[in-house]
Amino acid sequence: MAVMTTIPTATMTAEAVSSDRAAMLKHLPLIAILALQTVCAVYLLRDIVLSLLGVSFEPLAWQYVEYLDIGAAFGLIAGIALGARMLFSSLRQRHRAEEKLRQAKTAFMQLIDQKFGDWGLSPAERDVALFSIKGLSVAEIAALRGTSDGTIKAQAAAVYRKAGVGNRHQLLSLFIEDLFDPQMSPGIRPAAASSVTDAAPTDQSS
């Protein structure tokens, strides 16, 4: 029994070490560029700092000065190139995240339309159900629809009865469960439903 417990632990430890090593290797070029830029900055500021401190020093031979100038220029160029690469990578990641969020919102609205149709909700009940899912209170829904609180409560009760739930939290849980288990909702497009695992479909404030 002890052997069976030790093997998974050792495997997890090895995977963690491998993951840390891969992350370190991934950031190694960045670390090298930062180190080079640090050396370049120290070299460029050396004369100014030593002059301000009143420290006398013997100038380097012109050959070494040329080498250091070339290294400093290379470090600055490499820093610019790396910064541009990181900027483009960040923009691509943002675009992918926005696309996944858009697909998740589309999947959520598709699921809402499908469920409302299955339950046979009237147009007024659809509005009340949608506002309830968004988290609006009875008074807020009544103000938006220009009706009384009692009417909204009655329509909400009809929605809960047709959906087979007792309150708005249970109503929302029906959609969340179906989104994270696309097989329960065959009407949702697979491409849209699969995006929910990467983006949370809870922002429906528009």
C-alpha atoms as a PDB file:
ATOM      1  CA  MET A   1       0.000   0.000   0.000  1.00  0.00           C
ATOM      2  CA  ALA A   2       2.879   2.315   0.836  1.00  0.00           C
ATOM      3  CA  VAL A   3       4.485   1.593  -2.514  1.00  0.00           C
ATOM      4  CA  MET A   4       1.289   2.533  -4.368  1.00  0.00           C
ATOM      5  CA  THR A   5       1.161   5.842  -2.482  1.00  0.00           C
ATOM      6  CA  THR A   6       4.821   6.651  -3.065  1.00  0.00           C
ATOM      7  CA  ILE A   7       4.808   6.112  -6.832  1.00  0.00           C
ATOM      8  CA  PRO A   8       2.184   8.795  -7.640  1.00  0.00           C
ATOM      9  CA  THR A   9       3.940  11.215  -5.265  1.00  0.00           C
ATOM     10  CA  ALA A  10       7.287  10.639  -6.951  1.00  0.00           C
ATOM     11  CA  THR A  11       5.667  11.055 -10.359  1.00  0.00           C
ATOM     12  CA  MET A  12       4.068  14.352  -9.332  1.00  0.00           C
ATOM     13  CA  THR A  13       7.405  15.583  -7.950  1.00  0.00           C
ATOM     14  CA  ALA A  14       9.201  14.691 -11.174  1.00  0.00           C
ATOM     15  CA  GLU A  15       6.528  16.445 -13.227  1.00  0.00           C
ATOM     16  CA  ALA A  16       6.815  19.555 -11.052  1.00  0.00           C
ATOM     17  CA  VAL A  17      10.606  19.622 -11.442  1.00  0.00           C
ATOM     18  CA  SER A  18      10.278  19.130 -15.189  1.00  0.00           C
ATOM     19  CA  SER A  19       7.711  21.937 -15.386  1.00  0.00           C
ATOM     20  CA  ASP A  20       9.947  24.309 -13.400  1.00  0.00           C
ATOM     21  CA  ARG A  21      12.906  23.459 -15.606  1.00  0.00           C
ATOM     22  CA  ALA A  22      10.888  24.094 -18.764  1.00  0.00           C
ATOM     23  CA  ALA A  23       9.684  27.446 -17.400  1.00  0.00           C
ATOM     24  CA  MET A  24      13.265  28.425 -16.570  1.00  0.00           C
ATOM     25  CA  LEU A  25      14.503  27.496 -20.038  1.00  0.00           C
ATOM     26  CA  LYS A  26      11.616  29.440 -21.572  1.00  0.00           C
ATOM     27  CA  HIS A  27      12.651  32.618 -19.743  1.00  0.00           C
ATOM     28  CA  LEU A  28      16.391  32.082 -20.202  1.00  0.00           C
ATOM     29  CA  PRO A  29      16.653  34.383 -23.270  1.00  0.00           C
ATOM     30  CA  LEU A  30      14.837  37.127 -21.374  1.00  0.00           C
ATOM     31  CA  ILE A  31      17.178  36.761 -18.404  1.00  0.00           C
ATOM     32  CA  ALA A  32      20.207  36.870 -20.718  1.00  0.00           C
ATOM     33  CA  ILE A  33      18.979  40.040 -22.451  1.00  0.00           C
ATOM     34  CA  LEU A  34      18.243  41.743 -19.129  1.00  0.00           C
ATOM     35  CA  ALA A  35      21.707  40.825 -17.851  1.00  0.00           C
ATOM     36  CA  LEU A  36      23.297  42.205 -21.017  1.00  0.00           C
ATOM     37  CA  GLN A  37      21.314  45.430 -20.785  1.00  0.00           C
ATOM     38  CA  THR A  38      22.340  45.807 -17.144  1.00  0.00           C
ATOM     39  CA  VAL A  39      26.000  45.506 -18.092  1.00  0.00           C
ATOM     40  CA  CYS A  40      25.483  48.016 -20.911  1.00  0.00           C
ATOM     41  CA  ALA A  41      23.788  50.495 -18.574  1.00  0.00           C
ATOM     42  CA  VAL A  42      26.604  50.178 -16.027  1.00  0.00           C
ATOM     43  CA  TYR A  43      29.183  50.765 -18.756  1.00  0.00           C
ATOM     44  CA  LEU A  44      27.389  53.806 -20.186  1.00  0.00           C
ATOM     45  CA  LEU A  45      26.902  55.383 -16.748  1.00  0.00           C
ATOM     46  CA  ARG A  46      30.329  54.433 -15.399  1.00  0.00           C
ATOM     47  CA  ASP A  47      32.150  57.614 -16.391  1.00  0.00           C
ATOM     48  CA  ILE A  48      29.338  59.896 -15.173  1.00  0.00           C
ATOM     49  CA  VAL A  49      28.991  58.169 -11.807  1.00  0.00           C
ATOM     50  CA  LEU A  50      32.733  58.048 -11.168  1.00  0.00           C
ATOM     51  CA  SER A  51      33.070  61.732 -12.105  1.00  0.00           C
ATOM     52  CA  LEU A  52      30.284  62.726  -9.714  1.00  0.00           C
ATOM     53  CA  LEU A  53      31.895  60.702  -6.947  1.00  0.00           C
ATOM     54  CA  GLY A  54      35.287  62.250  -7.676  1.00  0.00           C
ATOM     55  CA  VAL A  55      36.943  58.900  -8.306  1.00  0.00           C
ATOM     56  CA  SER A  56      39.921  58.944 -10.636  1.00  0.00           C
ATOM     57  CA  PHE A  57      40.474  56.040 -12.995  1.00  0.00           C
ATOM     58  CA  GLU A  58      42.711  55.125 -15.865  1.00  0.00           C
ATOM     59  CA  PRO A  59      40.918  55.196 -19.238  1.00  0.00           C
ATOM     60  CA  LEU A  60      40.617  51.913 -21.091  1.00  0.00           C
ATOM     61  CA  ALA A  61      42.469  51.244 -24.303  1.00  0.00           C
ATOM     62  CA  TRP A  62      40.566  52.321 -27.391  1.00  0.00           C
ATOM     63  CA  GLN A  63      40.248  48.694 -28.570  1.00  0.00           C
ATOM     64  CA  TYR A  64      38.354  47.755 -25.416  1.00  0.00           C
ATOM     65  CA  VAL A  65      36.226  50.876 -25.662  1.00  0.00           C
ATOM     66  CA  GLU A  66      35.147  49.897 -29.173  1.00  0.00           C
ATOM     67  CA  TYR A  67      34.272  46.378 -28.045  1.00  0.00           C
ATOM     68  CA  LEU A  68      32.250  47.739 -25.151  1.00  0.00           C
ATOM     69  CA  ASP A  69      30.455  50.207 -27.428  1.00  0.00           C
ATOM     70  CA  ILE A  70      29.537  47.402 -29.806  1.00  0.00           C
ATOM     71  CA  GLY A  71      28.293  45.285 -26.905  1.00  0.00           C
ATOM     72  CA  ALA A  72      26.227  48.164 -25.526  1.00  0.00           C
ATOM     73  CA  ALA A  73      24.669  48.810 -28.927  1.00  0.00           C
ATOM     74  CA  PHE A  74      23.900  45.103 -29.325  1.00  0.00           C
ATOM     75  CA  GLY A  75      22.282  45.018 -25.910  1.00  0.00           C
ATOM     76  CA  LEU A  76      20.045  47.981 -26.720  1.00  0.00           C
ATOM     77  CA  ILE A  77      19.013  46.508 -30.083  1.00  0.00           C
ATOM     78  CA  ALA A  78      18.315  43.123 -28.492  1.00  0.00           C
ATOM     79  CA  GLY A  79      16.203  44.825 -25.838  1.00  0.00           C
ATOM     80  CA  ILE A  80      14.135  46.604 -28.481  1.00  0.00           C
ATOM     81  CA  ALA A  81      13.636  43.368 -30.417  1.00  0.00           C
ATOM     82  CA  LEU A  82      12.642  41.457 -27.296  1.00  0.00           C
ATOM     83  CA  GLY A  83      10.241  44.193 -26.224  1.00  0.00           C
ATOM     84  CA  ALA A  84       8.564  44.160 -29.637  1.00  0.00           C
ATOM     85  CA  ARG A  85       8.274  40.382 -29.545  1.00  0.00           C
ATOM     86  CA  MET A  86       6.696  40.429 -26.084  1.00  0.00           C
ATOM     87  CA  LEU A  87       4.279  43.154 -27.193  1.00  0.00           C
ATOM     88  CA  PHE A  88       3.127  41.163 -30.240  1.00  0.00           C
ATOM     89  CA  SER A  89       2.817  38.013 -28.116  1.00  0.00           C
ATOM     90  CA  SER A  90       0.694  39.887 -25.568  1.00  0.00           C
ATOM     91  CA  LEU A  91      -1.555  41.236 -28.316  1.00  0.00           C
ATOM     92  CA  ARG A  92      -2.032  37.737 -29.770  1.00  0.00           C
ATOM     93  CA  GLN A  93      -2.911  36.314 -26.362  1.00  0.00           C
ATOM     94  CA  ARG A  94      -5.399  39.117 -25.786  1.00  0.00           C
ATOM     95  CA  HIS A  95      -6.997  38.473 -29.168  1.00  0.00           C
ATOM     96  CA  ARG A  96      -7.323  34.747 -28.405  1.00  0.00           C
ATOM     97  CA  ALA A  97      -8.809  35.472 -24.983  1.00  0.00           C
ATOM     98  CA  GLU A  98     -11.353  37.897 -26.468  1.00  0.00           C
ATOM     99  CA  GLU A  99     -12.298  35.335 -29.132  1.00  0.00           C
ATOM    100  CA  LYS A 100     -12.817  32.606 -26.530  1.00  0.00           C
ATOM    101  CA  LEU A 101     -14.918  34.962 -24.422  1.00  0.00           C
ATOM    102  CA  ARG A 102     -17.018  35.867 -27.470  1.00  0.00           C
ATOM    103  CA  GLN A 103     -17.576  32.186 -28.241  1.00  0.00           C
ATOM    104  CA  ALA A 104     -18.497  31.531 -24.608  1.00  0.00           C
ATOM    105  CA  LYS A 105     -21.062  34.361 -24.671  1.00  0.00           C
ATOM    106  CA  THR A 106     -22.477  33.001 -27.920  1.00  0.00           C
ATOM    107  CA  ALA A 107     -22.762  29.523 -26.427  1.00  0.00           C
ATOM    108  CA  PHE A 108     -24.481  30.935 -23.344  1.00  0.00           C
ATOM    109  CA  MET A 109     -27.061  32.855 -25.381  1.00  0.00           C
ATOM    110  CA  GLN A 110     -27.686  29.814 -27.564  1.00  0.00           C
ATOM    111  CA  LEU A 111     -28.301  27.735 -24.469  1.00  0.00           C
ATOM    112  CA  ILE A 112     -30.675  30.350 -23.059  1.00  0.00           C
ATOM    113  CA  ASP A 113     -32.710  30.441 -26.284  1.00  0.00           C
ATOM    114  CA  GLN A 114     -32.813  26.642 -26.414  1.00  0.00           C
ATOM    115  CA  LYS A 115     -33.957  26.298 -22.800  1.00  0.00           C
ATOM    116  CA  PHE A 116     -36.538  29.049 -23.057  1.00  0.00           C
ATOM    117  CA  GLY A 117     -37.970  27.345 -26.133  1.00  0.00           C
ATOM    118  CA  ASP A 118     -38.050  23.946 -24.433  1.00  0.00           C
ATOM    119  CA  TRP A 119     -39.852  25.407 -21.443  1.00  0.00           C
ATOM    120  CA  GLY A 120     -42.382  27.242 -23.608  1.00  0.00           C
ATOM    121  CA  LEU A 121     -41.840  30.644 -22.020  1.00  0.00           C
ATOM    122  CA  SER A 122     -43.834  33.619 -23.225  1.00  0.00           C
ATOM    123  CA  PRO A 123     -42.001  36.773 -24.404  1.00  0.00           C
ATOM    124  CA  ALA A 124     -42.617  38.470 -21.051  1.00  0.00           C
ATOM    125  CA  GLU A 125     -41.426  35.403 -19.148  1.00  0.00           C
ATOM    126  CA  ARG A 126     -38.311  35.267 -21.328  1.00  0.00           C
ATOM    127  CA  ASP A 127     -37.460  38.849 -20.387  1.00  0.00           C
ATOM    128  CA  VAL A 128     -38.030  38.195 -16.692  1.00  0.00           C
ATOM    129  CA  ALA A 129     -35.973  34.997 -16.807  1.00  0.00           C
ATOM    130  CA  LEU A 130     -33.104  36.706 -18.621  1.00  0.00           C
ATOM    131  CA  PHE A 131     -33.060  39.635 -16.198  1.00  0.00           C
ATOM    132  CA  SER A 132     -33.162  37.196 -13.287  1.00  0.00           C
ATOM    133  CA  ILE A 133     -30.178  35.299 -14.681  1.00  0.00           C
ATOM    134  CA  LYS A 134     -28.322  38.601 -14.962  1.00  0.00           C
ATOM    135  CA  GLY A 135     -28.914  39.158 -11.248  1.00  0.00           C
ATOM    136  CA  LEU A 136     -31.446  42.005 -11.332  1.00  0.00           C
ATOM    137  CA  SER A 137     -33.839  42.327  -8.431  1.00  0.00           C
ATOM    138  CA  VAL A 138     -37.616  42.207  -8.740  1.00  0.00           C
ATOM    139  CA  ALA A 139     -37.844  45.986  -8.337  1.00  0.00           C
ATOM    140  CA  GLU A 140     -35.204  46.573 -11.017  1.00  0.00           C
ATOM    141  CA  ILE A 141     -36.945  44.230 -13.453  1.00  0.00           C
ATOM    142  CA  ALA A 142     -40.288  45.902 -12.761  1.00  0.00           C
ATOM    143  CA  ALA A 143     -38.741  49.327 -13.447  1.00  0.00           C
ATOM    144  CA  LEU A 144     -37.199  48.143 -16.720  1.00  0.00           C
ATOM    145  CA  ARG A 145     -40.450  46.563 -17.916  1.00  0.00           C
ATOM    146  CA  GLY A 146     -42.674  49.337 -16.587  1.00  0.00           C
ATOM    147  CA  THR A 147     -44.875  47.027 -14.519  1.00  0.00           C
ATOM    148  CA  SER A 148     -45.529  46.208 -10.878  1.00  0.00           C
ATOM    149  CA  ASP A 149     -43.430  44.055  -8.553  1.00  0.00           C
ATOM    150  CA  GLY A 150     -46.339  41.661  -8.144  1.00  0.00           C
ATOM    151  CA  THR A 151     -46.521  41.010 -11.878  1.00  0.00           C
ATOM    152  CA  ILE A 152     -42.780  40.313 -12.026  1.00  0.00           C
ATOM    153  CA  LYS A 153     -43.017  37.941  -9.062  1.00  0.00           C
ATOM    154  CA  ALA A 154     -45.854  36.057 -10.728  1.00  0.00           C
ATOM    155  CA  GLN A 155     -43.962  35.797 -14.020  1.00  0.00           C
ATOM    156  CA  ALA A 156     -40.799  34.710 -12.217  1.00  0.00           C
ATOM    157  CA  ALA A 157     -42.763  32.031 -10.349  1.00  0.00           C
ATOM    158  CA  ALA A 158     -44.123  30.785 -13.693  1.00  0.00           C
ATOM    159  CA  VAL A 159     -40.581  30.610 -15.086  1.00  0.00           C
ATOM    160  CA  TYR A 160     -39.331  28.648 -12.082  1.00  0.00           C
ATOM    161  CA  ARG A 161     -42.281  26.261 -12.301  1.00  0.00           C
ATOM    162  CA  LYS A 162     -41.754  25.569 -16.007  1.00  0.00           C
ATOM    163  CA  ALA A 163     -38.008  25.141 -15.477  1.00  0.00           C
ATOM    164  CA  GLY A 164     -38.531  22.845 -12.515  1.00  0.00           C
ATOM    165  CA  VAL A 165     -36.527  24.965 -10.073  1.00  0.00           C
ATOM    166  CA  GLY A 166     -37.275  26.916  -6.930  1.00  0.00           C
ATOM    167  CA  ASN A 167     -35.318  30.159  -7.327  1.00  0.00           C
ATOM    168  CA  ARG A 168     -33.059  32.169  -9.605  1.00  0.00           C
ATOM    169  CA  HIS A 169     -29.892  30.503  -8.290  1.00  0.00           C
ATOM    170  CA  GLN A 170     -31.163  27.079  -9.290  1.00  0.00           C
ATOM    171  CA  LEU A 171     -32.255  28.537 -12.629  1.00  0.00           C
ATOM    172  CA  LEU A 172     -28.741  29.839 -13.313  1.00  0.00           C
ATOM    173  CA  SER A 173     -27.215  26.533 -12.209  1.00  0.00           C
ATOM    174  CA  LEU A 174     -29.112  24.768 -15.011  1.00  0.00           C
ATOM    175  CA  PHE A 175     -27.253  26.804 -17.616  1.00  0.00           C
ATOM    176  CA  ILE A 176     -23.885  26.543 -15.895  1.00  0.00           C
ATOM    177  CA  GLU A 177     -24.130  22.764 -15.640  1.00  0.00           C
ATOM    178  CA  ASP A 178     -25.087  22.417 -19.293  1.00  0.00           C
ATOM    179  CA  LEU A 179     -22.293  24.741 -20.445  1.00  0.00           C
ATOM    180  CA  PHE A 180     -19.649  22.724 -18.630  1.00  0.00           C
ATOM    181  CA  ASP A 181     -21.171  19.477 -19.898  1.00  0.00           C
ATOM    182  CA  PRO A 182     -21.929  20.135 -23.614  1.00  0.00           C
ATOM    183  CA  GLN A 183     -23.335  16.587 -24.057  1.00  0.00           C
ATOM    184  CA  MET A 184     -26.330  17.667 -21.999  1.00  0.00           C
ATOM    185  CA  SER A 185     -27.136  20.354 -24.589  1.00  0.00           C
ATOM    186  CA  PRO A 186     -26.802  18.865 -28.083  1.00  0.00           C
ATOM    187  CA  GLY A 187     -28.156  22.049 -29.657  1.00  0.00           C
ATOM    188  CA  ILE A 188     -25.035  24.011 -28.774  1.00  0.00           C
ATOM    189  CA  ARG A 189     -22.355  24.190 -31.436  1.00  0.00           C
ATOM    190  CA  PRO A 190     -19.296  22.176 -30.308  1.00  0.00           C
ATOM    191  CA  ALA A 191     -16.844  24.966 -31.178  1.00  0.00           C
ATOM    192  CA  ALA A 192     -18.735  27.449 -29.037  1.00  0.00           C
ATOM    193  CA  ALA A 193     -19.397  25.069 -26.171  1.00  0.00           C
ATOM    194  CA  SER A 194     -15.767  23.969 -25.926  1.00  0.00           C
ATOM    195  CA  SER A 195     -14.633  27.559 -25.405  1.00  0.00           C
ATOM    196  CA  VAL A 196     -16.418  27.777 -22.064  1.00  0.00           C
ATOM    197  CA  THR A 197     -13.640  25.882 -20.335  1.00  0.00           C
ATOM    198  CA  ASP A 198     -11.250  28.722 -21.247  1.00  0.00           C
ATOM    199  CA  ALA A 199     -13.504  31.753 -20.643  1.00  0.00           C
ATOM    200  CA  ALA A 200     -16.149  32.276 -17.986  1.00  0.00           C
ATOM    201  CA  PRO A 201     -19.595  32.963 -19.544  1.00  0.00           C
ATOM    202  CA  THR A 202     -20.927  35.099 -16.710  1.00  0.00           C
ATOM    203  CA  ASP A 203     -20.650  38.600 -18.133  1.00  0.00           C
ATOM    204  CA  GLN A 204     -24.082  39.300 -19.621  1.00  0.00           C
ATOM    205  CA  SER A 205     -24.506  42.877 -18.485  1.00  0.00           C
ATOM    206  CA  SER A 206     -25.210  44.300 -21.925  1.00  0.00           C
END
